[in-house]
C-alpha atoms as a PDB file:
ATOM      1  CA  UNK A   1     -26.058  53.656  40.509  1.00  0.00           C
ATOM      2  CA  UNK A   2     -25.575  53.290  44.356  1.00  0.00           C
ATOM      3  CA  UNK A   3     -22.094  54.015  45.770  1.00  0.00           C
ATOM      4  CA  UNK A   4     -22.647  51.878  48.783  1.00  0.00           C
ATOM      5  CA  UNK A   5     -20.899  48.796  47.360  1.00  0.00           C
ATOM      6  CA  UNK A   6     -17.298  49.197  46.605  1.00  0.00           C
ATOM      7  CA  UNK A   7     -15.723  47.388  43.577  1.00  0.00           C
ATOM      8  CA  UNK A   8     -13.190  44.501  44.434  1.00  0.00           C
ATOM      9  CA  UNK A   9      -9.513  45.457  44.449  1.00  0.00           C
ATOM     10  CA  UNK A  10      -7.284  44.301  41.718  1.00  0.00           C
ATOM     11  CA  UNK A  11      -5.817  40.991  42.547  1.00  0.00           C
ATOM     12  CA  UNK A  12      -2.113  41.129  43.343  1.00  0.00           C
ATOM     13  CA  UNK A  13       0.233  38.516  41.787  1.00  0.00           C
ATOM     14  CA  UNK A  14       1.485  36.023  44.352  1.00  0.00           C
ATOM     15  CA  UNK A  15       5.088  36.701  45.346  1.00  0.00           C
ATOM     16  CA  UNK A  16       7.662  34.448  43.490  1.00  0.00           C
ATOM     17  CA  UNK A  17       9.241  31.626  45.484  1.00  0.00           C
ATOM     18  CA  UNK A  18      12.927  30.601  45.242  1.00  0.00           C
ATOM     19  CA  UNK A  19      13.717  27.185  43.865  1.00  0.00           C
ATOM     20  CA  UNK A  20      13.662  24.388  46.210  1.00  0.00           C
ATOM     21  CA  UNK A  21      17.261  23.394  47.384  1.00  0.00           C
ATOM     22  CA  UNK A  22      18.820  20.528  45.576  1.00  0.00           C
ATOM     23  CA  UNK A  23      19.053  18.295  48.469  1.00  0.00           C
ATOM     24  CA  UNK A  24      15.206  18.117  48.948  1.00  0.00           C
ATOM     25  CA  UNK A  25      14.145  16.940  45.606  1.00  0.00           C
ATOM     26  CA  UNK A  26      15.061  16.060  41.951  1.00  0.00           C
ATOM     27  CA  UNK A  27      15.192  19.260  39.760  1.00  0.00           C
ATOM     28  CA  UNK A  28      12.050  19.751  37.825  1.00  0.00           C
ATOM     29  CA  UNK A  29      12.471  20.604  34.185  1.00  0.00           C
ATOM     30  CA  UNK A  30      15.390  18.345  33.876  1.00  0.00           C
ATOM     31  CA  UNK A  31      15.271  15.012  31.889  1.00  0.00           C
ATOM     32  CA  UNK A  32      17.477  12.465  33.838  1.00  0.00           C
ATOM     33  CA  UNK A  33      19.867  10.046  32.404  1.00  0.00           C
ATOM     34  CA  UNK A  34      18.209   6.707  32.980  1.00  0.00           C
ATOM     35  CA  UNK A  35      19.794   3.398  34.012  1.00  0.00           C
ATOM     36  CA  UNK A  36      17.389   0.317  33.725  1.00  0.00           C
ATOM     37  CA  UNK A  37      18.295  -1.993  36.602  1.00  0.00           C
ATOM     38  CA  UNK A  38      17.139  -5.504  37.472  1.00  0.00           C
ATOM     39  CA  UNK A  39      18.798  -5.461  40.882  1.00  0.00           C
ATOM     40  CA  UNK A  40      17.781  -7.769  43.510  1.00  0.00           C
ATOM     41  CA  UNK A  41      19.371  -6.512  46.688  1.00  0.00           C
ATOM     42  CA  UNK A  42      17.973  -9.291  48.880  1.00  0.00           C
ATOM     43  CA  UNK A  43      15.574 -12.208  48.503  1.00  0.00           C
ATOM     44  CA  UNK A  44      14.159 -14.950  50.900  1.00  0.00           C
ATOM     45  CA  UNK A  45      11.429 -17.475  50.391  1.00  0.00           C
ATOM     46  CA  UNK A  46       8.920 -14.763  51.623  1.00  0.00           C
ATOM     47  CA  UNK A  47      10.133 -11.523  50.065  1.00  0.00           C
ATOM     48  CA  UNK A  48      12.309  -9.702  47.694  1.00  0.00           C
ATOM     49  CA  UNK A  49      13.810  -6.160  47.833  1.00  0.00           C
ATOM     50  CA  UNK A  50      14.729  -4.715  44.480  1.00  0.00           C
ATOM     51  CA  UNK A  51      15.951  -1.620  42.567  1.00  0.00           C
ATOM     52  CA  UNK A  52      14.304  -1.355  39.138  1.00  0.00           C
ATOM     53  CA  UNK A  53      15.286   2.062  37.787  1.00  0.00           C
ATOM     54  CA  UNK A  54      17.675   4.798  38.412  1.00  0.00           C
ATOM     55  CA  UNK A  55      17.371   8.218  37.111  1.00  0.00           C
ATOM     56  CA  UNK A  56      20.578  10.568  37.496  1.00  0.00           C
ATOM     57  CA  UNK A  57      20.711  14.375  37.498  1.00  0.00           C
ATOM     58  CA  UNK A  58      23.473  16.930  37.887  1.00  0.00           C
ATOM     59  CA  UNK A  59      22.656  17.236  41.618  1.00  0.00           C
ATOM     60  CA  UNK A  60      21.776  13.663  42.658  1.00  0.00           C
ATOM     61  CA  UNK A  61      19.902  10.604  41.648  1.00  0.00           C
ATOM     62  CA  UNK A  62      16.435   8.968  42.068  1.00  0.00           C
ATOM     63  CA  UNK A  63      15.692   5.164  42.201  1.00  0.00           C
ATOM     64  CA  UNK A  64      12.605   3.026  42.411  1.00  0.00           C
ATOM     65  CA  UNK A  65      12.606   0.743  45.620  1.00  0.00           C
ATOM     66  CA  UNK A  66      10.453  -2.266  45.132  1.00  0.00           C
ATOM     67  CA  UNK A  67       9.282  -5.094  47.478  1.00  0.00           C
ATOM     68  CA  UNK A  68       7.482  -7.971  46.712  1.00  0.00           C
ATOM     69  CA  UNK A  69       6.016 -10.869  48.491  1.00  0.00           C
ATOM     70  CA  UNK A  70       6.330 -14.603  47.253  1.00  0.00           C
ATOM     71  CA  UNK A  71       3.778 -16.605  49.305  1.00  0.00           C
ATOM     72  CA  UNK A  72       0.053 -16.602  48.701  1.00  0.00           C
ATOM     73  CA  UNK A  73      -1.759 -14.415  51.067  1.00  0.00           C
ATOM     74  CA  UNK A  74       1.553 -12.978  52.494  1.00  0.00           C
ATOM     75  CA  UNK A  75       1.013  -9.252  52.375  1.00  0.00           C
ATOM     76  CA  UNK A  76       4.115  -7.975  54.037  1.00  0.00           C
ATOM     77  CA  UNK A  77       4.013  -4.183  54.378  1.00  0.00           C
ATOM     78  CA  UNK A  78       7.425  -2.506  54.439  1.00  0.00           C
ATOM     79  CA  UNK A  79       6.057   0.601  56.230  1.00  0.00           C
ATOM     80  CA  UNK A  80       7.240   2.876  53.621  1.00  0.00           C
ATOM     81  CA  UNK A  81       4.078   4.852  53.537  1.00  0.00           C
ATOM     82  CA  UNK A  82       2.602   4.004  56.997  1.00  0.00           C
ATOM     83  CA  UNK A  83       0.942   0.964  58.318  1.00  0.00           C
ATOM     84  CA  UNK A  84      -2.748   0.152  57.727  1.00  0.00           C
ATOM     85  CA  UNK A  85      -3.477   0.783  61.357  1.00  0.00           C
ATOM     86  CA  UNK A  86      -2.244   4.342  61.433  1.00  0.00           C
ATOM     87  CA  UNK A  87       1.042   6.378  61.060  1.00  0.00           C
ATOM     88  CA  UNK A  88       4.223   4.359  60.617  1.00  0.00           C
ATOM     89  CA  UNK A  89       6.021   3.996  64.013  1.00  0.00           C
ATOM     90  CA  UNK A  90       9.514   5.428  63.626  1.00  0.00           C
ATOM     91  CA  UNK A  91      10.809   3.809  66.929  1.00  0.00           C
ATOM     92  CA  UNK A  92       9.819   1.077  69.334  1.00  0.00           C
ATOM     93  CA  UNK A  93       9.131   2.010  72.953  1.00  0.00           C
ATOM     94  CA  UNK A  94      12.607   1.401  73.871  1.00  0.00           C
ATOM     95  CA  UNK A  95      14.058   3.660  71.026  1.00  0.00           C
ATOM     96  CA  UNK A  96      14.788   0.858  68.573  1.00  0.00           C
ATOM     97  CA  UNK A  97      13.661   0.359  64.998  1.00  0.00           C
ATOM     98  CA  UNK A  98      10.497  -1.596  64.461  1.00  0.00           C
ATOM     99  CA  UNK A  99      11.166  -4.950  63.060  1.00  0.00           C
ATOM    100  CA  UNK A 100       8.349  -4.613  60.589  1.00  0.00           C
ATOM    101  CA  UNK A 101       9.984  -1.586  58.884  1.00  0.00           C
ATOM    102  CA  UNK A 102      12.210  -2.079  55.783  1.00  0.00           C
ATOM    103  CA  UNK A 103      15.562  -0.435  56.479  1.00  0.00           C
ATOM    104  CA  UNK A 104      17.221   0.787  53.395  1.00  0.00           C
ATOM    105  CA  UNK A 105      20.219   2.786  52.685  1.00  0.00           C
ATOM    106  CA  UNK A 106      23.195   3.736  50.438  1.00  0.00           C
ATOM    107  CA  UNK A 107      26.888   3.951  51.198  1.00  0.00           C
ATOM    108  CA  UNK A 108      29.417   5.918  49.007  1.00  0.00           C
ATOM    109  CA  UNK A 109      32.924   4.770  48.399  1.00  0.00           C
ATOM    110  CA  UNK A 110      34.308   7.387  50.841  1.00  0.00           C
ATOM    111  CA  UNK A 111      32.301   5.705  53.732  1.00  0.00           C
ATOM    112  CA  UNK A 112      29.438   8.356  53.870  1.00  0.00           C
ATOM    113  CA  UNK A 113      25.947   7.027  54.040  1.00  0.00           C
ATOM    114  CA  UNK A 114      22.366   7.879  54.131  1.00  0.00           C
ATOM    115  CA  UNK A 115      19.458   5.769  55.474  1.00  0.00           C
ATOM    116  CA  UNK A 116      15.742   5.770  56.013  1.00  0.00           C
ATOM    117  CA  UNK A 117      15.979   5.206  59.718  1.00  0.00           C
ATOM    118  CA  UNK A 118      18.120   8.162  61.053  1.00  0.00           C
ATOM    119  CA  UNK A 119      15.260  10.724  61.170  1.00  0.00           C
ATOM    120  CA  UNK A 120      17.622  13.664  61.125  1.00  0.00           C
ATOM    121  CA  UNK A 121      15.596  16.755  60.124  1.00  0.00           C
ATOM    122  CA  UNK A 122      16.372  18.734  56.918  1.00  0.00           C
ATOM    123  CA  UNK A 123      16.240  22.465  56.537  1.00  0.00           C
ATOM    124  CA  UNK A 124      15.606  24.513  53.365  1.00  0.00           C
ATOM    125  CA  UNK A 125      18.375  27.052  54.005  1.00  0.00           C
ATOM    126  CA  UNK A 126      21.463  25.371  55.559  1.00  0.00           C
ATOM    127  CA  UNK A 127      22.995  22.780  53.121  1.00  0.00           C
ATOM    128  CA  UNK A 128      23.521  19.469  54.990  1.00  0.00           C
ATOM    129  CA  UNK A 129      26.839  17.874  54.994  1.00  0.00           C
ATOM    130  CA  UNK A 130      25.252  14.917  53.170  1.00  0.00           C
ATOM    131  CA  UNK A 131      24.436  12.562  51.870  1.00  0.00           C
ATOM    132  CA  UNK A 132      20.737  12.717  52.018  1.00  0.00           C
ATOM    133  CA  UNK A 133      17.979  10.152  51.374  1.00  0.00           C
ATOM    134  CA  UNK A 134      14.339  11.271  51.021  1.00  0.00           C
ATOM    135  CA  UNK A 135      11.371   9.068  50.148  1.00  0.00           C
ATOM    136  CA  UNK A 136       8.945  10.277  47.437  1.00  0.00           C
ATOM    137  CA  UNK A 137       5.761   9.045  45.826  1.00  0.00           C
ATOM    138  CA  UNK A 138       4.599   5.466  45.168  1.00  0.00           C
ATOM    139  CA  UNK A 139       2.096   2.921  46.400  1.00  0.00           C
ATOM    140  CA  UNK A 140       1.163  -0.609  46.431  1.00  0.00           C
ATOM    141  CA  UNK A 141      -0.671  -3.432  48.307  1.00  0.00           C
ATOM    142  CA  UNK A 142      -1.267  -7.163  48.405  1.00  0.00           C
ATOM    143  CA  UNK A 143       2.333  -7.616  49.202  1.00  0.00           C
ATOM    144  CA  UNK A 144       3.740  -5.599  46.289  1.00  0.00           C
ATOM    145  CA  UNK A 145       4.977  -1.984  47.076  1.00  0.00           C
ATOM    146  CA  UNK A 146       7.141   0.819  45.049  1.00  0.00           C
ATOM    147  CA  UNK A 147       8.519   3.952  46.175  1.00  0.00           C
ATOM    148  CA  UNK A 148      10.785   6.442  44.587  1.00  0.00           C
ATOM    149  CA  UNK A 149      13.846   7.506  46.677  1.00  0.00           C
ATOM    150  CA  UNK A 150      15.872  10.728  46.154  1.00  0.00           C
ATOM    151  CA  UNK A 151      19.548  10.628  47.128  1.00  0.00           C
ATOM    152  CA  UNK A 152      21.759  13.711  47.196  1.00  0.00           C
ATOM    153  CA  UNK A 153      24.569  14.549  45.974  1.00  0.00           C
ATOM    154  CA  UNK A 154      26.036  12.262  43.312  1.00  0.00           C
ATOM    155  CA  UNK A 155      28.498   9.775  44.726  1.00  0.00           C
ATOM    156  CA  UNK A 156      32.066   9.910  44.199  1.00  0.00           C
ATOM    157  CA  UNK A 157      33.844   7.343  41.918  1.00  0.00           C
ATOM    158  CA  UNK A 158      34.081   3.760  43.331  1.00  0.00           C
ATOM    159  CA  UNK A 159      31.586   1.319  44.601  1.00  0.00           C
ATOM    160  CA  UNK A 160      28.051   2.528  45.373  1.00  0.00           C
ATOM    161  CA  UNK A 161      26.548   0.167  47.875  1.00  0.00           C
ATOM    162  CA  UNK A 162      22.803  -0.573  48.545  1.00  0.00           C
ATOM    163  CA  UNK A 163      22.084  -1.901  51.946  1.00  0.00           C
ATOM    164  CA  UNK A 164      18.848  -3.300  53.334  1.00  0.00           C
ATOM    165  CA  UNK A 165      17.566  -5.142  56.278  1.00  0.00           C
ATOM    166  CA  UNK A 166      13.923  -6.411  57.149  1.00  0.00           C
ATOM    167  CA  UNK A 167      13.841  -8.496  60.455  1.00  0.00           C
ATOM    168  CA  UNK A 168      10.105  -9.196  60.164  1.00  0.00           C
ATOM    169  CA  UNK A 169      10.542 -10.679  56.597  1.00  0.00           C
ATOM    170  CA  UNK A 170      13.555 -12.616  57.562  1.00  0.00           C
ATOM    171  CA  UNK A 171      15.900 -10.345  55.538  1.00  0.00           C
ATOM    172  CA  UNK A 172      19.328 -10.157  57.255  1.00  0.00           C
ATOM    173  CA  UNK A 173      21.661  -7.164  56.730  1.00  0.00           C
ATOM    174  CA  UNK A 174      22.547  -7.312  53.021  1.00  0.00           C
ATOM    175  CA  UNK A 175      24.893  -5.322  50.730  1.00  0.00           C
ATOM    176  CA  UNK A 176      24.989  -4.982  46.953  1.00  0.00           C
ATOM    177  CA  UNK A 177      27.360  -2.870  45.152  1.00  0.00           C
ATOM    178  CA  UNK A 178      27.322  -1.234  41.651  1.00  0.00           C
ATOM    179  CA  UNK A 179      29.890   0.865  40.064  1.00  0.00           C
ATOM    180  CA  UNK A 180      29.142   4.568  40.913  1.00  0.00           C
ATOM    181  CA  UNK A 181      30.500   5.446  37.361  1.00  0.00           C
ATOM    182  CA  UNK A 182      27.321   4.134  36.016  1.00  0.00           C
ATOM    183  CA  UNK A 183      25.408   6.828  37.898  1.00  0.00           C
ATOM    184  CA  UNK A 184      27.966   9.508  37.031  1.00  0.00           C
ATOM    185  CA  UNK A 185      27.791   8.693  33.390  1.00  0.00           C
ATOM    186  CA  UNK A 186      23.943   8.695  33.518  1.00  0.00           C
ATOM    187  CA  UNK A 187      24.060  12.203  35.154  1.00  0.00           C
ATOM    188  CA  UNK A 188      26.242  13.444  32.258  1.00  0.00           C
ATOM    189  CA  UNK A 189      23.339  12.513  29.879  1.00  0.00           C
ATOM    190  CA  UNK A 190      20.668  14.448  31.764  1.00  0.00           C
ATOM    191  CA  UNK A 191      19.202  17.327  29.810  1.00  0.00           C
ATOM    192  CA  UNK A 192      18.159  20.530  31.426  1.00  0.00           C
ATOM    193  CA  UNK A 193      14.912  21.571  29.432  1.00  0.00           C
ATOM    194  CA  UNK A 194      13.185  24.300  31.640  1.00  0.00           C
ATOM    195  CA  UNK A 195      15.771  24.882  34.167  1.00  0.00           C
ATOM    196  CA  UNK A 196      14.613  26.850  37.366  1.00  0.00           C
ATOM    197  CA  UNK A 197      11.279  27.676  35.638  1.00  0.00           C
ATOM    198  CA  UNK A 198      10.130  24.281  36.609  1.00  0.00           C
ATOM    199  CA  UNK A 199      11.457  24.585  40.182  1.00  0.00           C
ATOM    200  CA  UNK A 200       9.525  26.339  42.987  1.00  0.00           C
ATOM    201  CA  UNK A 201      10.311  26.461  46.627  1.00  0.00           C
ATOM    202  CA  UNK A 202       7.930  26.838  49.628  1.00  0.00           C
ATOM    203  CA  UNK A 203       6.794  23.927  51.823  1.00  0.00           C
ATOM    204  CA  UNK A 204       8.203  20.552  50.887  1.00  0.00           C
ATOM    205  CA  UNK A 205       5.812  17.625  51.135  1.00  0.00           C
ATOM    206  CA  UNK A 206       7.402  14.224  51.751  1.00  0.00           C
ATOM    207  CA  UNK A 207       5.130  11.359  51.272  1.00  0.00           C
ATOM    208  CA  UNK A 208       6.916   8.903  53.439  1.00  0.00           C
ATOM    209  CA  UNK A 209      10.332   9.576  55.038  1.00  0.00           C
ATOM    210  CA  UNK A 210      12.743  12.468  54.739  1.00  0.00           C
ATOM    211  CA  UNK A 211      15.654  11.146  56.571  1.00  0.00           C
ATOM    212  CA  UNK A 212      19.406  11.479  56.419  1.00  0.00           C
ATOM    213  CA  UNK A 213      22.416  10.129  58.154  1.00  0.00           C
ATOM    214  CA  UNK A 214      26.072  10.371  57.674  1.00  0.00           C
ATOM    215  CA  UNK A 215      29.231   8.303  58.551  1.00  0.00           C
ATOM    216  CA  UNK A 216      32.664   9.660  58.737  1.00  0.00           C
ATOM    217  CA  UNK A 217      35.058   7.922  56.255  1.00  0.00           C
ATOM    218  CA  UNK A 218      36.839   5.047  57.970  1.00  0.00           C
ATOM    219  CA  UNK A 219      34.535   5.180  60.999  1.00  0.00           C
ATOM    220  CA  UNK A 220      33.269   1.851  60.453  1.00  0.00           C
ATOM    221  CA  UNK A 221      29.767   2.753  61.128  1.00  0.00           C
ATOM    222  CA  UNK A 222      27.205   0.476  59.409  1.00  0.00           C
END
């Protein structure tokens, strides 16, 4: 037998990675406490913006943001995933927010807020002052779209406000409140099944937007 060819080296196990930080995503291996919602945040003759489900975890909560068009042939795209002509524009040439983009955010009872327009980068090491809003998976077409949204951390007791605005669809700035205790109670019903065994770190892939903003309590910022 020839000794020219050497046998392959034994494969090394890949290094373990630390869990993803809680502000980046919902914890894997945990079953959320779920609230079934039929919440219409805003509606016009052309479009409706809705929240249809909320899943609460010990570290934050996830919701389904749904938009639907009412007119036949009206295929309004909220640009949650990027337009059909290429990447979604985050700013107009003069630095403003595109009218075609659905603006969505939440406001806590203490005045802090998170939106999908601020574009503040998030790191994996330094904990943000919060709150944070990150868009996840979803899809749609033909005027009907759905996207999951992760919000960290859990809100304090008091009103939890959903806010939206969509100029291209004729939706003015609209606010809708629910009692944050509903979310806190749902979080208490969550069940950790696999814990950190289901959470792995490394690169974080955000399908749409990974944006955060914050308003100081009493600042009046909207």
